[in-house]
Amino acid sequence: MTPFGVRRRGRALLRRLAVRAESNFSFSFAFASQKQREALQDVYAFCRSVDDIVDERPHTAQGDKDAGAQLEVWREFIKRL
């Protein structure tokens, strides 16, 4: 999906979330096609990735600059879709 290996990471995160949550979230996946599940996993992976860029950055001017640069990589990637 991206240079960051996000698809693989997103699927692993979703599996852990579904097991841990034991909620309707994991139950709802039973009704989605394989293609729909993969698409949802990709969206979740993207959301987690950009959220982590912001949340895990050092709260300094350099951290903000680095996070901005990483988010710009995503912007450019999305423009090419």
PDB file of N, CA and C in Angstrom:
ATOM      1  N   MET A   1       0.824  -1.195   0.000  1.00  0.00           N
ATOM      2  CA  MET A   1       0.000   0.000   0.000  1.00  0.00           C
ATOM      3  C   MET A   1       0.867   1.257   0.000  1.00  0.00           C
ATOM      4  N   THR A   2       1.848   1.323   0.860  1.00  0.00           N
ATOM      5  CA  THR A   2       2.697   2.504   0.939  1.00  0.00           C
ATOM      6  C   THR A   2       4.124   2.085   1.200  1.00  0.00           C
ATOM      7  N   PRO A   3       5.037   3.025   1.156  1.00  0.00           N
ATOM      8  CA  PRO A   3       6.420   2.698   1.490  1.00  0.00           C
ATOM      9  C   PRO A   3       6.587   2.311   2.956  1.00  0.00           C
ATOM     10  N   PHE A   4       5.570   2.474   3.755  1.00  0.00           N
ATOM     11  CA  PHE A   4       5.685   2.207   5.189  1.00  0.00           C
ATOM     12  C   PHE A   4       5.200   0.812   5.580  1.00  0.00           C
ATOM     13  N   GLY A   5       4.772  -0.006   4.631  1.00  0.00           N
ATOM     14  CA  GLY A   5       4.262  -1.325   4.971  1.00  0.00           C
ATOM     15  C   GLY A   5       2.995  -1.257   5.808  1.00  0.00           C
ATOM     16  N   VAL A   6       2.183  -0.279   5.544  1.00  0.00           N
ATOM     17  CA  VAL A   6       1.022  -0.011   6.373  1.00  0.00           C
ATOM     18  C   VAL A   6      -0.040  -1.100   6.267  1.00  0.00           C
ATOM     19  N   ARG A   7      -0.225  -1.663   5.106  1.00  0.00           N
ATOM     20  CA  ARG A   7      -1.268  -2.681   4.945  1.00  0.00           C
ATOM     21  C   ARG A   7      -1.028  -3.842   5.914  1.00  0.00           C
ATOM     22  N   ARG A   8       0.188  -4.356   5.956  1.00  0.00           N
ATOM     23  CA  ARG A   8       0.517  -5.467   6.841  1.00  0.00           C
ATOM     24  C   ARG A   8       0.326  -5.056   8.302  1.00  0.00           C
ATOM     25  N   ARG A   9       0.789  -3.872   8.644  1.00  0.00           N
ATOM     26  CA  ARG A   9       0.667  -3.380  10.019  1.00  0.00           C
ATOM     27  C   ARG A   9      -0.798  -3.193  10.401  1.00  0.00           C
ATOM     28  N   GLY A  10      -1.577  -2.644   9.477  1.00  0.00           N
ATOM     29  CA  GLY A  10      -2.997  -2.412   9.753  1.00  0.00           C
ATOM     30  C   GLY A  10      -3.751  -3.699   9.994  1.00  0.00           C
ATOM     31  N   ARG A  11      -3.460  -4.713   9.220  1.00  0.00           N
ATOM     32  CA  ARG A  11      -4.143  -5.998   9.405  1.00  0.00           C
ATOM     33  C   ARG A  11      -3.805  -6.595  10.759  1.00  0.00           C
ATOM     34  N   ALA A  12      -2.559  -6.510  11.146  1.00  0.00           N
ATOM     35  CA  ALA A  12      -2.161  -7.041  12.450  1.00  0.00           C
ATOM     36  C   ALA A  12      -2.829  -6.260  13.578  1.00  0.00           C
ATOM     37  N   LEU A  13      -2.885  -4.938  13.444  1.00  0.00           N
ATOM     38  CA  LEU A  13      -3.540  -4.120  14.464  1.00  0.00           C
ATOM     39  C   LEU A  13      -5.031  -4.434  14.560  1.00  0.00           C
ATOM     40  N   LEU A  14      -5.670  -4.592  13.416  1.00  0.00           N
ATOM     41  CA  LEU A  14      -7.099  -4.899  13.428  1.00  0.00           C
ATOM     42  C   LEU A  14      -7.377  -6.252  14.064  1.00  0.00           C
ATOM     43  N   ARG A  15      -6.539  -7.234  13.787  1.00  0.00           N
ATOM     44  CA  ARG A  15      -6.730  -8.549  14.412  1.00  0.00           C
ATOM     45  C   ARG A  15      -6.627  -8.439  15.922  1.00  0.00           C
ATOM     46  N   ARG A  16      -5.613  -7.712  16.408  1.00  0.00           N
ATOM     47  CA  ARG A  16      -5.461  -7.553  17.860  1.00  0.00           C
ATOM     48  C   ARG A  16      -6.635  -6.780  18.447  1.00  0.00           C
ATOM     49  N   LEU A  17      -7.073  -5.745  17.769  1.00  0.00           N
ATOM     50  CA  LEU A  17      -8.198  -4.953  18.245  1.00  0.00           C
ATOM     51  C   LEU A  17      -9.469  -5.796  18.307  1.00  0.00           C
ATOM     52  N   ALA A  18      -9.719  -6.560  17.274  1.00  0.00           N
ATOM     53  CA  ALA A  18     -10.926  -7.378  17.223  1.00  0.00           C
ATOM     54  C   ALA A  18     -10.929  -8.416  18.340  1.00  0.00           C
ATOM     55  N   VAL A  19      -9.786  -9.029  18.577  1.00  0.00           N
ATOM     56  CA  VAL A  19      -9.711 -10.034  19.639  1.00  0.00           C
ATOM     57  C   VAL A  19      -9.886  -9.372  20.993  1.00  0.00           C
ATOM     58  N   ARG A  20      -9.230  -8.247  21.196  1.00  0.00           N
ATOM     59  CA  ARG A  20      -9.273  -7.566  22.486  1.00  0.00           C
ATOM     60  C   ARG A  20     -10.648  -6.952  22.745  1.00  0.00           C
ATOM     61  N   ALA A  21     -11.250  -6.397  21.738  1.00  0.00           N
ATOM     62  CA  ALA A  21     -12.516  -5.688  21.930  1.00  0.00           C
ATOM     63  C   ALA A  21     -13.689  -6.636  22.121  1.00  0.00           C
ATOM     64  N   GLU A  22     -13.644  -7.787  21.452  1.00  0.00           N
ATOM     65  CA  GLU A  22     -14.759  -8.734  21.509  1.00  0.00           C
ATOM     66  C   GLU A  22     -16.084  -7.993  21.352  1.00  0.00           C
ATOM     67  N   SER A  23     -16.175  -7.211  20.309  1.00  0.00           N
ATOM     68  CA  SER A  23     -17.325  -6.343  20.117  1.00  0.00           C
ATOM     69  C   SER A  23     -18.002  -6.630  18.794  1.00  0.00           C
ATOM     70  N   ASN A  24     -18.995  -5.817  18.492  1.00  0.00           N
ATOM     71  CA  ASN A  24     -19.677  -5.916  17.213  1.00  0.00           C
ATOM     72  C   ASN A  24     -18.745  -5.615  16.054  1.00  0.00           C
ATOM     73  N   PHE A  25     -17.659  -4.917  16.358  1.00  0.00           N
ATOM     74  CA  PHE A  25     -16.688  -4.589  15.319  1.00  0.00           C
ATOM     75  C   PHE A  25     -16.173  -5.865  14.666  1.00  0.00           C
ATOM     76  N   SER A  26     -15.699  -6.805  15.467  1.00  0.00           N
ATOM     77  CA  SER A  26     -15.177  -8.045  14.889  1.00  0.00           C
ATOM     78  C   SER A  26     -16.303  -8.892  14.313  1.00  0.00           C
ATOM     79  N   PHE A  27     -17.471  -8.864  14.935  1.00  0.00           N
ATOM     80  CA  PHE A  27     -18.625  -9.621  14.440  1.00  0.00           C
ATOM     81  C   PHE A  27     -19.043  -9.119  13.059  1.00  0.00           C
ATOM     82  N   SER A  28     -18.972  -7.813  12.861  1.00  0.00           N
ATOM     83  CA  SER A  28     -19.397  -7.242  11.587  1.00  0.00           C
ATOM     84  C   SER A  28     -18.517  -7.697  10.432  1.00  0.00           C
ATOM     85  N   PHE A  29     -17.276  -8.053  10.702  1.00  0.00           N
ATOM     86  CA  PHE A  29     -16.390  -8.520   9.651  1.00  0.00           C
ATOM     87  C   PHE A  29     -16.864  -9.839   9.055  1.00  0.00           C
ATOM     88  N   ALA A  30     -17.654 -10.581   9.792  1.00  0.00           N
ATOM     89  CA  ALA A  30     -18.165 -11.854   9.281  1.00  0.00           C
ATOM     90  C   ALA A  30     -19.089 -11.631   8.087  1.00  0.00           C
ATOM     91  N   PHE A  31     -19.663 -10.460   7.975  1.00  0.00           N
ATOM     92  CA  PHE A  31     -20.623 -10.157   6.907  1.00  0.00           C
ATOM     93  C   PHE A  31     -20.001  -9.404   5.743  1.00  0.00           C
ATOM     94  N   ALA A  32     -18.746  -9.066   5.844  1.00  0.00           N
ATOM     95  CA  ALA A  32     -18.062  -8.345   4.773  1.00  0.00           C
ATOM     96  C   ALA A  32     -17.332  -9.342   3.876  1.00  0.00           C
ATOM     97  N   SER A  33     -17.256  -9.000   2.616  1.00  0.00           N
ATOM     98  CA  SER A  33     -16.483  -9.834   1.684  1.00  0.00           C
ATOM     99  C   SER A  33     -14.994  -9.651   1.979  1.00  0.00           C
ATOM    100  N   GLN A  34     -14.191 -10.528   1.429  1.00  0.00           N
ATOM    101  CA  GLN A  34     -12.739 -10.426   1.606  1.00  0.00           C
ATOM    102  C   GLN A  34     -12.238  -9.071   1.112  1.00  0.00           C
ATOM    103  N   LYS A  35     -12.745  -8.644  -0.041  1.00  0.00           N
ATOM    104  CA  LYS A  35     -12.336  -7.354  -0.601  1.00  0.00           C
ATOM    105  C   LYS A  35     -12.734  -6.203   0.333  1.00  0.00           C
ATOM    106  N   GLN A  36     -13.941  -6.268   0.902  1.00  0.00           N
ATOM    107  CA  GLN A  36     -14.389  -5.221   1.818  1.00  0.00           C
ATOM    108  C   GLN A  36     -13.546  -5.218   3.093  1.00  0.00           C
ATOM    109  N   ARG A  37     -13.232  -6.409   3.619  1.00  0.00           N
ATOM    110  CA  ARG A  37     -12.397  -6.482   4.832  1.00  0.00           C
ATOM    111  C   ARG A  37     -11.020  -5.874   4.571  1.00  0.00           C
ATOM    112  N   GLU A  38     -10.447  -6.205   3.419  1.00  0.00           N
ATOM    113  CA  GLU A  38      -9.133  -5.647   3.096  1.00  0.00           C
ATOM    114  C   GLU A  38      -9.192  -4.130   2.956  1.00  0.00           C
ATOM    115  N   ALA A  39     -10.247  -3.620   2.350  1.00  0.00           N
ATOM    116  CA  ALA A  39     -10.394  -2.167   2.204  1.00  0.00           C
ATOM    117  C   ALA A  39     -10.529  -1.497   3.571  1.00  0.00           C
ATOM    118  N   LEU A  40     -11.323  -2.085   4.448  1.00  0.00           N
ATOM    119  CA  LEU A  40     -11.478  -1.537   5.800  1.00  0.00           C
ATOM    120  C   LEU A  40     -10.159  -1.586   6.558  1.00  0.00           C
ATOM    121  N   GLN A  41      -9.419  -2.651   6.372  1.00  0.00           N
ATOM    122  CA  GLN A  41      -8.119  -2.761   7.030  1.00  0.00           C
ATOM    123  C   GLN A  41      -7.163  -1.691   6.521  1.00  0.00           C
ATOM    124  N   ASP A  42      -7.214  -1.416   5.235  1.00  0.00           N
ATOM    125  CA  ASP A  42      -6.361  -0.372   4.670  1.00  0.00           C
ATOM    126  C   ASP A  42      -6.716   1.002   5.219  1.00  0.00           C
ATOM    127  N   VAL A  43      -7.994   1.291   5.319  1.00  0.00           N
ATOM    128  CA  VAL A  43      -8.428   2.586   5.859  1.00  0.00           C
ATOM    129  C   VAL A  43      -7.995   2.708   7.322  1.00  0.00           C
ATOM    130  N   TYR A  44      -8.200   1.647   8.086  1.00  0.00           N
ATOM    131  CA  TYR A  44      -7.806   1.661   9.491  1.00  0.00           C
ATOM    132  C   TYR A  44      -6.297   1.849   9.614  1.00  0.00           C
ATOM    133  N   ALA A  45      -5.538   1.144   8.789  1.00  0.00           N
ATOM    134  CA  ALA A  45      -4.083   1.265   8.837  1.00  0.00           C
ATOM    135  C   ALA A  45      -3.638   2.689   8.527  1.00  0.00           C
ATOM    136  N   PHE A  46      -4.257   3.301   7.529  1.00  0.00           N
ATOM    137  CA  PHE A  46      -3.937   4.684   7.196  1.00  0.00           C
ATOM    138  C   PHE A  46      -4.230   5.602   8.382  1.00  0.00           C
ATOM    139  N   CYS A  47      -5.417   5.464   8.957  1.00  0.00           N
ATOM    140  CA  CYS A  47      -5.793   6.326  10.088  1.00  0.00           C
ATOM    141  C   CYS A  47      -4.836   6.161  11.256  1.00  0.00           C
ATOM    142  N   ARG A  48      -4.500   4.920  11.571  1.00  0.00           N
ATOM    143  CA  ARG A  48      -3.559   4.681  12.666  1.00  0.00           C
ATOM    144  C   ARG A  48      -2.195   5.269  12.352  1.00  0.00           C
ATOM    145  N   SER A  49      -1.751   5.124  11.130  1.00  0.00           N
ATOM    146  CA  SER A  49      -0.423   5.603  10.759  1.00  0.00           C
ATOM    147  C   SER A  49      -0.302   7.115  10.888  1.00  0.00           C
ATOM    148  N   VAL A  50      -1.268   7.840  10.337  1.00  0.00           N
ATOM    149  CA  VAL A  50      -1.161   9.305  10.421  1.00  0.00           C
ATOM    150  C   VAL A  50      -1.400   9.779  11.855  1.00  0.00           C
ATOM    151  N   ASP A  51      -2.235   9.081  12.590  1.00  0.00           N
ATOM    152  CA  ASP A  51      -2.444   9.416  14.004  1.00  0.00           C
ATOM    153  C   ASP A  51      -1.154   9.206  14.793  1.00  0.00           C
ATOM    154  N   ASP A  52      -0.469   8.102  14.536  1.00  0.00           N
ATOM    155  CA  ASP A  52       0.792   7.826  15.230  1.00  0.00           C
ATOM    156  C   ASP A  52       1.864   8.853  14.890  1.00  0.00           C
ATOM    157  N   ILE A  53       1.885   9.308  13.645  1.00  0.00           N
ATOM    158  CA  ILE A  53       2.863  10.328  13.260  1.00  0.00           C
ATOM    159  C   ILE A  53       2.728  11.540  14.166  1.00  0.00           C
ATOM    160  N   VAL A  54       1.507  11.947  14.411  1.00  0.00           N
ATOM    161  CA  VAL A  54       1.265  13.141  15.228  1.00  0.00           C
ATOM    162  C   VAL A  54       1.424  12.828  16.718  1.00  0.00           C
ATOM    163  N   ASP A  55       0.827  11.734  17.174  1.00  0.00           N
ATOM    164  CA  ASP A  55       0.827  11.426  18.607  1.00  0.00           C
ATOM    165  C   ASP A  55       2.192  11.035  19.154  1.00  0.00           C
ATOM    166  N   GLU A  56       3.021  10.402  18.337  1.00  0.00           N
ATOM    167  CA  GLU A  56       4.287   9.878  18.834  1.00  0.00           C
ATOM    168  C   GLU A  56       5.477  10.781  18.557  1.00  0.00           C
ATOM    169  N   ARG A  57       5.220  11.942  17.992  1.00  0.00           N
ATOM    170  CA  ARG A  57       6.320  12.857  17.704  1.00  0.00           C
ATOM    171  C   ARG A  57       6.809  13.512  18.998  1.00  0.00           C
ATOM    172  N   PRO A  58       8.072  13.858  19.069  1.00  0.00           N
ATOM    173  CA  PRO A  58       8.534  14.669  20.201  1.00  0.00           C
ATOM    174  C   PRO A  58       7.827  16.023  20.151  1.00  0.00           C
ATOM    175  N   HIS A  59       7.431  16.516  21.271  1.00  0.00           N
ATOM    176  CA  HIS A  59       6.715  17.793  21.323  1.00  0.00           C
ATOM    177  C   HIS A  59       7.706  18.951  21.359  1.00  0.00           C
ATOM    178  N   THR A  60       8.398  19.059  20.229  1.00  0.00           N
ATOM    179  CA  THR A  60       9.387  20.115  20.027  1.00  0.00           C
ATOM    180  C   THR A  60       9.170  20.684  18.633  1.00  0.00           C
ATOM    181  N   ALA A  61       9.842  21.767  18.357  1.00  0.00           N
ATOM    182  CA  ALA A  61       9.748  22.351  17.018  1.00  0.00           C
ATOM    183  C   ALA A  61      10.252  21.351  15.972  1.00  0.00           C
ATOM    184  N   GLN A  62      11.339  20.646  16.278  1.00  0.00           N
ATOM    185  CA  GLN A  62      11.868  19.661  15.337  1.00  0.00           C
ATOM    186  C   GLN A  62      10.897  18.492  15.179  1.00  0.00           C
ATOM    187  N   GLY A  63      10.259  18.076  16.265  1.00  0.00           N
ATOM    188  CA  GLY A  63       9.263  17.006  16.189  1.00  0.00           C
ATOM    189  C   GLY A  63       8.101  17.407  15.299  1.00  0.00           C
ATOM    190  N   ASP A  64       7.657  18.648  15.438  1.00  0.00           N
ATOM    191  CA  ASP A  64       6.578  19.144  14.580  1.00  0.00           C
ATOM    192  C   ASP A  64       7.007  19.176  13.114  1.00  0.00           C
ATOM    193  N   LYS A  65       8.245  19.601  12.877  1.00  0.00           N
ATOM    194  CA  LYS A  65       8.759  19.668  11.511  1.00  0.00           C
ATOM    195  C   LYS A  65       8.851  18.262  10.906  1.00  0.00           C
ATOM    196  N   ASP A  66       9.362  17.319  11.676  1.00  0.00           N
ATOM    197  CA  ASP A  66       9.483  15.943  11.187  1.00  0.00           C
ATOM    198  C   ASP A  66       8.115  15.328  10.920  1.00  0.00           C
ATOM    199  N   ALA A  67       7.164  15.562  11.824  1.00  0.00           N
ATOM    200  CA  ALA A  67       5.807  15.043  11.621  1.00  0.00           C
ATOM    201  C   ALA A  67       5.193  15.656  10.370  1.00  0.00           C
ATOM    202  N   GLY A  68       5.392  16.950  10.182  1.00  0.00           N
ATOM    203  CA  GLY A  68       4.878  17.603   8.983  1.00  0.00           C
ATOM    204  C   GLY A  68       5.450  16.997   7.716  1.00  0.00           C
ATOM    205  N   ALA A  69       6.743  16.674   7.751  1.00  0.00           N
ATOM    206  CA  ALA A  69       7.381  16.064   6.578  1.00  0.00           C
ATOM    207  C   ALA A  69       6.804  14.668   6.319  1.00  0.00           C
ATOM    208  N   GLN A  70       6.577  13.892   7.374  1.00  0.00           N
ATOM    209  CA  GLN A  70       5.993  12.558   7.211  1.00  0.00           C
ATOM    210  C   GLN A  70       4.563  12.644   6.685  1.00  0.00           C
ATOM    211  N   LEU A  71       3.803  13.605   7.166  1.00  0.00           N
ATOM    212  CA  LEU A  71       2.432  13.785   6.676  1.00  0.00           C
ATOM    213  C   LEU A  71       2.442  14.231   5.213  1.00  0.00           C
ATOM    214  N   GLU A  72       3.428  15.003   4.833  1.00  0.00           N
ATOM    215  CA  GLU A  72       3.548  15.423   3.431  1.00  0.00           C
ATOM    216  C   GLU A  72       3.792  14.219   2.524  1.00  0.00           C
ATOM    217  N   VAL A  73       4.558  13.241   2.992  1.00  0.00           N
ATOM    218  CA  VAL A  73       4.752  12.007   2.226  1.00  0.00           C
ATOM    219  C   VAL A  73       3.395  11.346   1.973  1.00  0.00           C
ATOM    220  N   TRP A  74       2.566  11.307   2.999  1.00  0.00           N
ATOM    221  CA  TRP A  74       1.216  10.746   2.830  1.00  0.00           C
ATOM    222  C   TRP A  74       0.390  11.553   1.842  1.00  0.00           C
ATOM    223  N   ARG A  75       0.441  12.888   1.944  1.00  0.00           N
ATOM    224  CA  ARG A  75      -0.315  13.730   1.017  1.00  0.00           C
ATOM    225  C   ARG A  75       0.063  13.426  -0.423  1.00  0.00           C
ATOM    226  N   GLU A  76       1.349  13.320  -0.673  1.00  0.00           N
ATOM    227  CA  GLU A  76       1.826  13.039  -2.025  1.00  0.00           C
ATOM    228  C   GLU A  76       1.391  11.648  -2.478  1.00  0.00           C
ATOM    229  N   PHE A  77       1.455  10.697  -1.582  1.00  0.00           N
ATOM    230  CA  PHE A  77       1.024   9.335  -1.910  1.00  0.00           C
ATOM    231  C   PHE A  77      -0.453   9.330  -2.293  1.00  0.00           C
ATOM    232  N   ILE A  78      -1.275  10.012  -1.512  1.00  0.00           N
ATOM    233  CA  ILE A  78      -2.721  10.043  -1.759  1.00  0.00           C
ATOM    234  C   ILE A  78      -3.031  10.763  -3.068  1.00  0.00           C
ATOM    235  N   LYS A  79      -2.287  11.804  -3.381  1.00  0.00           N
ATOM    236  CA  LYS A  79      -2.501  12.507  -4.648  1.00  0.00           C
ATOM    237  C   LYS A  79      -2.310  11.591  -5.838  1.00  0.00           C
ATOM    238  N   ARG A  80      -1.411  10.605  -5.703  1.00  0.00           N
ATOM    239  CA  ARG A  80      -1.112   9.693  -6.817  1.00  0.00           C
ATOM    240  C   ARG A  80      -2.137   8.569  -6.948  1.00  0.00           C
ATOM    241  N   LEU A  81      -3.029   8.442  -5.997  1.00  0.00           N
ATOM    242  CA  LEU A  81      -4.029   7.360  -6.085  1.00  0.00           C
ATOM    243  C   LEU A  81      -5.037   7.607  -7.177  1.00  0.00           C
TER     244      LEU A  81
END
